[in-house]
Amino acid sequence: MILSMTGFGRAEGVFEGKKITIDIKSLNSKSFDLNIKIPLRYKEKEFEIRKILNDRLIRGKVDCYINIENLEETNDVKINKALIDSYMNQLREVAADGPDFEYLKMAVRLPDAITSRPDEICEGEWETLAGIVQNAVDRFMEFRTTEGKILHEELERNIQNIDKYLNQVIPYEEDRIIAVKERYQKSLKEFENVDETRFYQEMAYFTEKLDISEEKVRLSQHLKYYKEVMDNEDFNGKKLGFISQEIGREINTLGSKANHAEIQKLVVMMKDDLEKIKEQTLNVL
């Protein structure tokens, strides 16, 4: 089953006058890279939140934003008067000519001059928060699944295209050997006393070098294996990437041995579809 590495999920909930909103979004990445922005109130629960996201999201460059909005009037702000007075006294010593109002404006911007006073999180609030995180992940995974279905269709179409072009190579195989043989015979007519036995030995050697039957078989097997992994294995993005590399090797070898204009055209079309597969595979979880 294919899941996209990109996704978006949002969930909301309310606990005792506080509205909690969680947004999760991700882009593709080789590993799990989590950036989380969390209010100071829930900082102590960051490890648990990271574990939930890590266990379920597996891979991707993930951004998680947690926001709190007070629906009721509260007084959680603390003005540290003693610290502000100390800041102002020190500022006066540095610049004695300034008005106190200017010192006050500078002092309130300094560390810990104004702080919030979050009370401890009770078990009920943590359960609500954890539930919202799980709901956001659920929405996020639904997005990944929907995008994965689209990816699956595109990848399957590209695999089928390469297989179709591979089958179109067959009619040209015999033609190219005959063409090479005729070209050599025409060239040899210009010479006298040609060793015919040696000529056919050279032709057999050259024909063997041009033989693409093994490449065709291996390429066909790689295409089937890619489709099997795509259809039957979970979290298969890295594995599909490795298989696409093997597909590329066989197509390149096929092109280097082709020695035929029509086969070269088919190889170019295979490469075009392969590039699409590689690009899309980067986004598979």
C-alpha atoms as a PDB file:
ATOM      1  CA  MET A   1       0.000   0.000   0.000  1.00  0.00           C
ATOM      2  CA  ILE A   2       1.314   3.419  -0.970  1.00  0.00           C
ATOM      3  CA  LEU A   3       1.185   6.365   1.434  1.00  0.00           C
ATOM      4  CA  SER A   4       2.358   9.832   0.501  1.00  0.00           C
ATOM      5  CA  MET A   5       5.026  11.411   2.667  1.00  0.00           C
ATOM      6  CA  THR A   6       3.379  14.824   2.345  1.00  0.00           C
ATOM      7  CA  GLY A   7       0.263  15.500   4.377  1.00  0.00           C
ATOM      8  CA  PHE A   8      -1.748  17.894   6.486  1.00  0.00           C
ATOM      9  CA  GLY A   9      -3.972  17.355   9.506  1.00  0.00           C
ATOM     10  CA  ARG A  10      -5.770  19.661  11.938  1.00  0.00           C
ATOM     11  CA  ALA A  11      -7.736  18.950  15.102  1.00  0.00           C
ATOM     12  CA  GLU A  12      -9.287  21.147  17.784  1.00  0.00           C
ATOM     13  CA  GLY A  13     -10.659  20.686  21.258  1.00  0.00           C
ATOM     14  CA  VAL A  14     -11.691  22.659  24.333  1.00  0.00           C
ATOM     15  CA  PHE A  15     -10.692  22.106  27.957  1.00  0.00           C
ATOM     16  CA  GLU A  16     -11.908  24.385  30.770  1.00  0.00           C
ATOM     17  CA  GLY A  17     -12.157  27.553  28.698  1.00  0.00           C
ATOM     18  CA  LYS A  18      -9.034  26.887  26.613  1.00  0.00           C
ATOM     19  CA  LYS A  19      -9.313  26.095  22.918  1.00  0.00           C
ATOM     20  CA  ILE A  20      -6.454  23.858  21.748  1.00  0.00           C
ATOM     21  CA  THR A  21      -5.632  23.729  18.027  1.00  0.00           C
ATOM     22  CA  ILE A  22      -3.035  21.377  16.530  1.00  0.00           C
ATOM     23  CA  ASP A  23      -1.766  21.555  12.936  1.00  0.00           C
ATOM     24  CA  ILE A  24       0.533  18.901  11.452  1.00  0.00           C
ATOM     25  CA  LYS A  25       2.089  19.121   8.001  1.00  0.00           C
ATOM     26  CA  SER A  26       4.983  17.363   6.302  1.00  0.00           C
ATOM     27  CA  LEU A  27       7.198  17.230   3.212  1.00  0.00           C
ATOM     28  CA  ASN A  28       9.363  14.366   1.985  1.00  0.00           C
ATOM     29  CA  SER A  29      12.620  13.537   3.746  1.00  0.00           C
ATOM     30  CA  LYS A  30      15.013  10.595   3.996  1.00  0.00           C
ATOM     31  CA  SER A  31      14.324  10.283   7.730  1.00  0.00           C
ATOM     32  CA  PHE A  32      11.967  11.580  10.430  1.00  0.00           C
ATOM     33  CA  ASP A  33      12.690  15.262  11.033  1.00  0.00           C
ATOM     34  CA  LEU A  34      10.263  16.855  13.504  1.00  0.00           C
ATOM     35  CA  ASN A  35       9.967  20.566  14.243  1.00  0.00           C
ATOM     36  CA  ILE A  36       7.442  21.242  16.993  1.00  0.00           C
ATOM     37  CA  LYS A  37       6.223  24.609  18.305  1.00  0.00           C
ATOM     38  CA  ILE A  38       4.512  24.186  21.629  1.00  0.00           C
ATOM     39  CA  PRO A  39       3.198  26.711  24.190  1.00  0.00           C
ATOM     40  CA  LEU A  40       5.148  27.052  27.428  1.00  0.00           C
ATOM     41  CA  ARG A  41       2.181  25.566  29.313  1.00  0.00           C
ATOM     42  CA  TYR A  42       2.635  22.192  27.564  1.00  0.00           C
ATOM     43  CA  LYS A  43       6.437  22.191  27.394  1.00  0.00           C
ATOM     44  CA  GLU A  44       6.688  19.454  30.017  1.00  0.00           C
ATOM     45  CA  LYS A  45       4.655  17.152  27.725  1.00  0.00           C
ATOM     46  CA  GLU A  46       6.812  17.709  24.649  1.00  0.00           C
ATOM     47  CA  PHE A  47       8.546  14.325  24.932  1.00  0.00           C
ATOM     48  CA  GLU A  48       5.239  12.435  25.043  1.00  0.00           C
ATOM     49  CA  ILE A  49       3.899  14.423  22.075  1.00  0.00           C
ATOM     50  CA  ARG A  50       7.062  13.765  20.074  1.00  0.00           C
ATOM     51  CA  LYS A  51       6.736  10.032  20.803  1.00  0.00           C
ATOM     52  CA  ILE A  52       3.144   9.942  19.506  1.00  0.00           C
ATOM     53  CA  LEU A  53       4.187  11.692  16.292  1.00  0.00           C
ATOM     54  CA  ASN A  54       7.323   9.598  15.828  1.00  0.00           C
ATOM     55  CA  ASP A  55       5.485   6.282  16.317  1.00  0.00           C
ATOM     56  CA  ARG A  56       2.744   7.072  13.813  1.00  0.00           C
ATOM     57  CA  LEU A  57       4.267   9.350  11.168  1.00  0.00           C
ATOM     58  CA  ILE A  58       7.399   7.197  10.549  1.00  0.00           C
ATOM     59  CA  ARG A  59       9.175   9.472   8.045  1.00  0.00           C
ATOM     60  CA  GLY A  60       9.114  12.974   6.597  1.00  0.00           C
ATOM     61  CA  LYS A  61      10.031  16.562   7.427  1.00  0.00           C
ATOM     62  CA  VAL A  62       7.203  17.270   9.875  1.00  0.00           C
ATOM     63  CA  ASP A  63       6.062  20.572  11.389  1.00  0.00           C
ATOM     64  CA  CYS A  64       3.666  20.456  14.342  1.00  0.00           C
ATOM     65  CA  TYR A  65       2.076  23.638  15.721  1.00  0.00           C
ATOM     66  CA  ILE A  66       0.134  23.624  18.995  1.00  0.00           C
ATOM     67  CA  ASN A  67      -1.823  26.754  19.862  1.00  0.00           C
ATOM     68  CA  ILE A  68      -3.924  27.714  22.917  1.00  0.00           C
ATOM     69  CA  GLU A  69      -6.675  30.333  22.831  1.00  0.00           C
ATOM     70  CA  ASN A  70      -8.368  31.431  26.046  1.00  0.00           C
ATOM     71  CA  LEU A  71     -12.113  31.540  25.572  1.00  0.00           C
ATOM     72  CA  GLU A  72     -12.640  33.018  29.031  1.00  0.00           C
ATOM     73  CA  GLU A  73     -10.987  36.023  30.685  1.00  0.00           C
ATOM     74  CA  THR A  74      -7.999  34.959  32.760  1.00  0.00           C
ATOM     75  CA  ASN A  75      -5.206  36.723  34.599  1.00  0.00           C
ATOM     76  CA  ASP A  76      -2.181  34.548  33.953  1.00  0.00           C
ATOM     77  CA  VAL A  77       0.247  37.439  33.501  1.00  0.00           C
ATOM     78  CA  LYS A  78       2.798  38.288  36.208  1.00  0.00           C
ATOM     79  CA  ILE A  79       4.636  41.628  36.217  1.00  0.00           C
ATOM     80  CA  ASN A  80       7.918  41.208  38.062  1.00  0.00           C
ATOM     81  CA  LYS A  81       8.068  44.684  39.654  1.00  0.00           C
ATOM     82  CA  ALA A  82      11.273  44.107  41.612  1.00  0.00           C
ATOM     83  CA  LEU A  83      13.126  42.888  38.515  1.00  0.00           C
ATOM     84  CA  ILE A  84      11.846  45.828  36.420  1.00  0.00           C
ATOM     85  CA  ASP A  85      12.982  48.292  39.131  1.00  0.00           C
ATOM     86  CA  SER A  86      16.414  46.667  39.080  1.00  0.00           C
ATOM     87  CA  TYR A  87      16.577  46.910  35.273  1.00  0.00           C
ATOM     88  CA  MET A  88      15.598  50.617  35.418  1.00  0.00           C
ATOM     89  CA  ASN A  89      18.198  51.445  38.080  1.00  0.00           C
ATOM     90  CA  GLN A  90      20.922  49.846  35.986  1.00  0.00           C
ATOM     91  CA  LEU A  91      19.739  51.674  32.879  1.00  0.00           C
ATOM     92  CA  ARG A  92      19.864  54.993  34.786  1.00  0.00           C
ATOM     93  CA  GLU A  93      23.486  54.286  35.720  1.00  0.00           C
ATOM     94  CA  VAL A  94      24.341  53.743  32.073  1.00  0.00           C
ATOM     95  CA  ALA A  95      22.429  56.792  30.775  1.00  0.00           C
ATOM     96  CA  ALA A  96      21.449  59.154  33.590  1.00  0.00           C
ATOM     97  CA  ASP A  97      19.905  61.804  31.349  1.00  0.00           C
ATOM     98  CA  GLY A  98      17.026  59.738  30.002  1.00  0.00           C
ATOM     99  CA  PRO A  99      13.396  59.947  31.226  1.00  0.00           C
ATOM    100  CA  ASP A 100      12.061  57.114  33.415  1.00  0.00           C
ATOM    101  CA  PHE A 101       9.364  56.318  30.854  1.00  0.00           C
ATOM    102  CA  GLU A 102      12.018  55.372  28.276  1.00  0.00           C
ATOM    103  CA  TYR A 103      13.766  53.197  30.848  1.00  0.00           C
ATOM    104  CA  LEU A 104      10.466  51.500  31.611  1.00  0.00           C
ATOM    105  CA  LYS A 105       9.838  50.720  27.946  1.00  0.00           C
ATOM    106  CA  MET A 106      13.287  49.121  27.704  1.00  0.00           C
ATOM    107  CA  ALA A 107      12.986  47.288  31.031  1.00  0.00           C
ATOM    108  CA  VAL A 108       9.716  45.514  30.232  1.00  0.00           C
ATOM    109  CA  ARG A 109      11.334  44.024  27.101  1.00  0.00           C
ATOM    110  CA  LEU A 110      14.155  42.414  29.066  1.00  0.00           C
ATOM    111  CA  PRO A 111      14.049  38.726  30.123  1.00  0.00           C
ATOM    112  CA  ASP A 112      11.481  37.666  32.760  1.00  0.00           C
ATOM    113  CA  ALA A 113      10.136  41.198  33.268  1.00  0.00           C
ATOM    114  CA  ILE A 114       6.661  39.985  32.283  1.00  0.00           C
ATOM    115  CA  THR A 115       5.852  36.282  32.495  1.00  0.00           C
ATOM    116  CA  SER A 116       2.812  34.066  32.322  1.00  0.00           C
ATOM    117  CA  ARG A 117       1.854  31.936  35.289  1.00  0.00           C
ATOM    118  CA  PRO A 118       0.722  28.631  33.895  1.00  0.00           C
ATOM    119  CA  ASP A 119      -0.793  26.397  36.533  1.00  0.00           C
ATOM    120  CA  GLU A 120       0.074  22.705  36.506  1.00  0.00           C
ATOM    121  CA  ILE A 121      -1.537  20.492  33.886  1.00  0.00           C
ATOM    122  CA  CYS A 122      -3.993  18.083  35.421  1.00  0.00           C
ATOM    123  CA  GLU A 123      -4.475  14.532  34.118  1.00  0.00           C
ATOM    124  CA  GLY A 124      -7.720  15.496  32.410  1.00  0.00           C
ATOM    125  CA  GLU A 125      -6.079  18.299  30.438  1.00  0.00           C
ATOM    126  CA  TRP A 126      -3.244  16.024  29.305  1.00  0.00           C
ATOM    127  CA  GLU A 127      -5.734  13.368  28.191  1.00  0.00           C
ATOM    128  CA  THR A 128      -7.604  16.028  26.210  1.00  0.00           C
ATOM    129  CA  LEU A 129      -4.374  17.295  24.640  1.00  0.00           C
ATOM    130  CA  ALA A 130      -3.172  13.768  23.772  1.00  0.00           C
ATOM    131  CA  GLY A 131      -6.560  12.995  22.239  1.00  0.00           C
ATOM    132  CA  ILE A 132      -6.369  16.117  20.043  1.00  0.00           C
ATOM    133  CA  VAL A 133      -2.844  15.128  18.952  1.00  0.00           C
ATOM    134  CA  GLN A 134      -4.130  11.668  17.958  1.00  0.00           C
ATOM    135  CA  ASN A 135      -7.076  13.207  16.092  1.00  0.00           C
ATOM    136  CA  ALA A 136      -4.728  15.538  14.192  1.00  0.00           C
ATOM    137  CA  VAL A 137      -2.568  12.548  13.261  1.00  0.00           C
ATOM    138  CA  ASP A 138      -5.690  10.657  12.104  1.00  0.00           C
ATOM    139  CA  ARG A 139      -6.629  13.545   9.801  1.00  0.00           C
ATOM    140  CA  PHE A 140      -3.025  13.722   8.643  1.00  0.00           C
ATOM    141  CA  MET A 141      -2.939   9.991   7.802  1.00  0.00           C
ATOM    142  CA  GLU A 142      -6.219  10.299   5.885  1.00  0.00           C
ATOM    143  CA  PHE A 143      -4.545  12.982   3.759  1.00  0.00           C
ATOM    144  CA  ARG A 144      -1.519  10.720   3.214  1.00  0.00           C
ATOM    145  CA  THR A 145      -3.774   7.853   2.158  1.00  0.00           C
ATOM    146  CA  THR A 146      -5.680   9.988  -0.354  1.00  0.00           C
ATOM    147  CA  GLU A 147      -2.455  11.354  -1.835  1.00  0.00           C
ATOM    148  CA  GLY A 148      -1.036   7.819  -1.836  1.00  0.00           C
ATOM    149  CA  LYS A 149      -3.865   6.565  -4.071  1.00  0.00           C
ATOM    150  CA  ILE A 150      -3.059   9.270  -6.616  1.00  0.00           C
ATOM    151  CA  LEU A 151       0.650   8.391  -6.436  1.00  0.00           C
ATOM    152  CA  HIS A 152      -0.177   4.702  -6.907  1.00  0.00           C
ATOM    153  CA  GLU A 153      -2.124   5.420 -10.091  1.00  0.00           C
ATOM    154  CA  GLU A 154       0.670   7.559 -11.540  1.00  0.00           C
ATOM    155  CA  LEU A 155       3.407   5.057 -10.679  1.00  0.00           C
ATOM    156  CA  GLU A 156       1.425   2.139 -12.076  1.00  0.00           C
ATOM    157  CA  ARG A 157       0.848   4.049 -15.315  1.00  0.00           C
ATOM    158  CA  ASN A 158       4.586   4.782 -15.668  1.00  0.00           C
ATOM    159  CA  ILE A 159       5.521   1.147 -14.968  1.00  0.00           C
ATOM    160  CA  GLN A 160       3.015  -0.015 -17.585  1.00  0.00           C
ATOM    161  CA  ASN A 161       4.457   2.460 -20.093  1.00  0.00           C
ATOM    162  CA  ILE A 162       7.999   1.092 -19.645  1.00  0.00           C
ATOM    163  CA  ASP A 163       6.693  -2.458 -20.000  1.00  0.00           C
ATOM    164  CA  LYS A 164       4.836  -1.464 -23.185  1.00  0.00           C
ATOM    165  CA  TYR A 165       7.965   0.126 -24.693  1.00  0.00           C
ATOM    166  CA  LEU A 166       9.976  -2.980 -23.752  1.00  0.00           C
ATOM    167  CA  ASN A 167       7.564  -5.184 -25.712  1.00  0.00           C
ATOM    168  CA  GLN A 168       7.861  -2.830 -28.684  1.00  0.00           C
ATOM    169  CA  VAL A 169      11.619  -3.517 -28.803  1.00  0.00           C
ATOM    170  CA  ILE A 170      11.053  -7.152 -29.883  1.00  0.00           C
ATOM    171  CA  PRO A 171      10.186  -6.557 -33.590  1.00  0.00           C
ATOM    172  CA  TYR A 172      13.398  -4.548 -34.090  1.00  0.00           C
ATOM    173  CA  GLU A 173      15.821  -7.089 -32.585  1.00  0.00           C
ATOM    174  CA  GLU A 174      16.142  -9.324 -35.641  1.00  0.00           C
ATOM    175  CA  ASP A 175      16.181  -6.333 -37.994  1.00  0.00           C
ATOM    176  CA  ARG A 176      19.208  -4.764 -36.359  1.00  0.00           C
ATOM    177  CA  ILE A 177      21.273  -8.002 -36.518  1.00  0.00           C
ATOM    178  CA  ILE A 178      20.412  -8.412 -40.197  1.00  0.00           C
ATOM    179  CA  ALA A 179      21.310  -4.769 -40.845  1.00  0.00           C
ATOM    180  CA  VAL A 180      24.690  -5.174 -39.116  1.00  0.00           C
ATOM    181  CA  LYS A 181      25.412  -8.361 -41.081  1.00  0.00           C
ATOM    182  CA  GLU A 182      24.541  -6.722 -44.429  1.00  0.00           C
ATOM    183  CA  ARG A 183      26.695  -3.717 -43.593  1.00  0.00           C
ATOM    184  CA  TYR A 184      29.688  -5.921 -42.841  1.00  0.00           C
ATOM    185  CA  GLN A 185      29.172  -8.045 -45.976  1.00  0.00           C
ATOM    186  CA  LYS A 186      28.975  -4.919 -48.106  1.00  0.00           C
ATOM    187  CA  SER A 187      32.237  -3.643 -46.626  1.00  0.00           C
ATOM    188  CA  LEU A 188      33.955  -6.999 -47.154  1.00  0.00           C
ATOM    189  CA  LYS A 189      33.140  -7.028 -50.878  1.00  0.00           C
ATOM    190  CA  GLU A 190      35.802  -4.376 -51.262  1.00  0.00           C
ATOM    191  CA  PHE A 191      38.445  -6.879 -50.117  1.00  0.00           C
ATOM    192  CA  GLU A 192      39.807 -10.032 -51.744  1.00  0.00           C
ATOM    193  CA  ASN A 193      40.600 -13.412 -50.119  1.00  0.00           C
ATOM    194  CA  VAL A 194      38.362 -12.918 -47.085  1.00  0.00           C
ATOM    195  CA  ASP A 195      38.398 -15.774 -44.571  1.00  0.00           C
ATOM    196  CA  GLU A 196      34.713 -16.624 -44.431  1.00  0.00           C
ATOM    197  CA  THR A 197      35.073 -18.714 -41.263  1.00  0.00           C
ATOM    198  CA  ARG A 198      36.745 -15.831 -39.451  1.00  0.00           C
ATOM    199  CA  PHE A 199      34.065 -13.506 -40.761  1.00  0.00           C
ATOM    200  CA  TYR A 200      31.273 -15.577 -39.200  1.00  0.00           C
ATOM    201  CA  GLN A 201      33.252 -15.899 -35.951  1.00  0.00           C
ATOM    202  CA  GLU A 202      33.467 -12.125 -35.783  1.00  0.00           C
ATOM    203  CA  MET A 203      29.777 -11.852 -36.587  1.00  0.00           C
ATOM    204  CA  ALA A 204      28.922 -14.308 -33.797  1.00  0.00           C
ATOM    205  CA  TYR A 205      31.037 -12.293 -31.342  1.00  0.00           C
ATOM    206  CA  PHE A 206      29.473  -9.018 -32.437  1.00  0.00           C
ATOM    207  CA  THR A 207      25.962 -10.499 -32.275  1.00  0.00           C
ATOM    208  CA  GLU A 208      26.627 -11.701 -28.735  1.00  0.00           C
ATOM    209  CA  LYS A 209      27.762  -8.215 -27.707  1.00  0.00           C
ATOM    210  CA  LEU A 210      24.543  -6.790 -29.127  1.00  0.00           C
ATOM    211  CA  ASP A 211      22.333  -9.407 -27.472  1.00  0.00           C
ATOM    212  CA  ILE A 212      19.829  -7.702 -25.146  1.00  0.00           C
ATOM    213  CA  SER A 213      17.782 -10.743 -24.102  1.00  0.00           C
ATOM    214  CA  GLU A 214      19.219 -10.768 -20.538  1.00  0.00           C
ATOM    215  CA  GLU A 215      18.569  -7.046 -20.094  1.00  0.00           C
ATOM    216  CA  LYS A 216      14.990  -7.498 -21.290  1.00  0.00           C
ATOM    217  CA  VAL A 217      14.372 -10.356 -18.841  1.00  0.00           C
ATOM    218  CA  ARG A 218      15.906  -8.493 -15.887  1.00  0.00           C
ATOM    219  CA  LEU A 219      14.063  -5.279 -16.725  1.00  0.00           C
ATOM    220  CA  SER A 220      10.758  -7.160 -16.954  1.00  0.00           C
ATOM    221  CA  GLN A 221      11.450  -8.803 -13.567  1.00  0.00           C
ATOM    222  CA  HIS A 222      12.302  -5.456 -11.943  1.00  0.00           C
ATOM    223  CA  LEU A 223       9.070  -3.934 -13.254  1.00  0.00           C
ATOM    224  CA  LYS A 224       7.032  -6.818 -11.820  1.00  0.00           C
ATOM    225  CA  TYR A 225       8.873  -6.625  -8.495  1.00  0.00           C
ATOM    226  CA  TYR A 226       8.287  -2.859  -8.268  1.00  0.00           C
ATOM    227  CA  LYS A 227       4.570  -3.412  -8.743  1.00  0.00           C
ATOM    228  CA  GLU A 228       4.468  -6.251  -6.170  1.00  0.00           C
ATOM    229  CA  VAL A 229       6.180  -4.105  -3.515  1.00  0.00           C
ATOM    230  CA  MET A 230       3.981  -1.133  -4.377  1.00  0.00           C
ATOM    231  CA  ASP A 231       0.797  -3.190  -4.008  1.00  0.00           C
ATOM    232  CA  ASN A 232       1.645  -5.431  -1.045  1.00  0.00           C
ATOM    233  CA  GLU A 233       4.165  -3.787   1.325  1.00  0.00           C
ATOM    234  CA  ASP A 234       3.684  -0.906   3.767  1.00  0.00           C
ATOM    235  CA  PHE A 235       6.181   1.951   4.217  1.00  0.00           C
ATOM    236  CA  ASN A 236       7.835   0.871   0.964  1.00  0.00           C
ATOM    237  CA  GLY A 237       9.274   4.176  -0.309  1.00  0.00           C
ATOM    238  CA  LYS A 238      12.964   3.371   0.271  1.00  0.00           C
ATOM    239  CA  LYS A 239      12.629  -0.116  -1.207  1.00  0.00           C
ATOM    240  CA  LEU A 240      10.874   1.240  -4.297  1.00  0.00           C
ATOM    241  CA  GLY A 241      13.719   3.740  -4.666  1.00  0.00           C
ATOM    242  CA  PHE A 242      16.274   0.910  -4.750  1.00  0.00           C
ATOM    243  CA  ILE A 243      14.234  -1.038  -7.331  1.00  0.00           C
ATOM    244  CA  SER A 244      13.918   2.057  -9.550  1.00  0.00           C
ATOM    245  CA  GLN A 245      17.728   2.311  -9.543  1.00  0.00           C
ATOM    246  CA  GLU A 246      17.954  -1.269 -10.836  1.00  0.00           C
ATOM    247  CA  ILE A 247      15.357  -0.487 -13.516  1.00  0.00           C
ATOM    248  CA  GLY A 248      17.529   2.452 -14.585  1.00  0.00           C
ATOM    249  CA  ARG A 249      20.650   0.253 -14.908  1.00  0.00           C
ATOM    250  CA  GLU A 250      18.890  -2.186 -17.237  1.00  0.00           C
ATOM    251  CA  ILE A 251      17.426   0.608 -19.386  1.00  0.00           C
ATOM    252  CA  ASN A 252      20.872   2.233 -19.700  1.00  0.00           C
ATOM    253  CA  THR A 253      22.477  -1.063 -20.721  1.00  0.00           C
ATOM    254  CA  LEU A 254      19.672  -1.659 -23.201  1.00  0.00           C
ATOM    255  CA  GLY A 255      20.368   1.736 -24.743  1.00  0.00           C
ATOM    256  CA  SER A 256      24.130   1.194 -24.960  1.00  0.00           C
ATOM    257  CA  LYS A 257      23.616  -2.138 -26.750  1.00  0.00           C
ATOM    258  CA  ALA A 258      20.714  -1.050 -28.954  1.00  0.00           C
ATOM    259  CA  ASN A 259      22.595  -0.016 -32.112  1.00  0.00           C
ATOM    260  CA  HIS A 260      19.220   0.704 -33.711  1.00  0.00           C
ATOM    261  CA  ALA A 261      17.461   4.053 -34.115  1.00  0.00           C
ATOM    262  CA  GLU A 262      13.958   2.815 -33.249  1.00  0.00           C
ATOM    263  CA  ILE A 263      15.148   0.954 -30.151  1.00  0.00           C
ATOM    264  CA  GLN A 264      17.002   4.087 -29.041  1.00  0.00           C
ATOM    265  CA  LYS A 265      13.755   6.059 -29.343  1.00  0.00           C
ATOM    266  CA  LEU A 266      11.984   3.503 -27.156  1.00  0.00           C
ATOM    267  CA  VAL A 267      14.835   3.682 -24.612  1.00  0.00           C
ATOM    268  CA  VAL A 268      14.468   7.472 -24.456  1.00  0.00           C
ATOM    269  CA  MET A 269      10.739   7.087 -23.735  1.00  0.00           C
ATOM    270  CA  MET A 270      11.520   4.498 -21.028  1.00  0.00           C
ATOM    271  CA  LYS A 271      13.950   6.927 -19.412  1.00  0.00           C
ATOM    272  CA  ASP A 272      11.333   9.664 -19.468  1.00  0.00           C
ATOM    273  CA  ASP A 273       8.886   7.465 -17.544  1.00  0.00           C
ATOM    274  CA  LEU A 274      11.656   6.291 -15.212  1.00  0.00           C
ATOM    275  CA  GLU A 275      12.472   9.890 -14.245  1.00  0.00           C
ATOM    276  CA  LYS A 276       8.818  10.390 -13.345  1.00  0.00           C
ATOM    277  CA  ILE A 277       8.922   7.205 -11.250  1.00  0.00           C
ATOM    278  CA  LYS A 278      12.054   8.355  -9.399  1.00  0.00           C
ATOM    279  CA  GLU A 279      10.566  11.768  -8.698  1.00  0.00           C
ATOM    280  CA  GLN A 280       7.278  10.286  -7.445  1.00  0.00           C
ATOM    281  CA  THR A 281       9.016   7.572  -5.419  1.00  0.00           C
ATOM    282  CA  LEU A 282      10.788  10.262  -3.382  1.00  0.00           C
ATOM    283  CA  ASN A 283       7.359  11.176  -2.000  1.00  0.00           C
ATOM    284  CA  VAL A 284       6.376   7.622  -1.029  1.00  0.00           C
ATOM    285  CA  LEU A 285       6.464   6.876   2.703  1.00  0.00           C
END
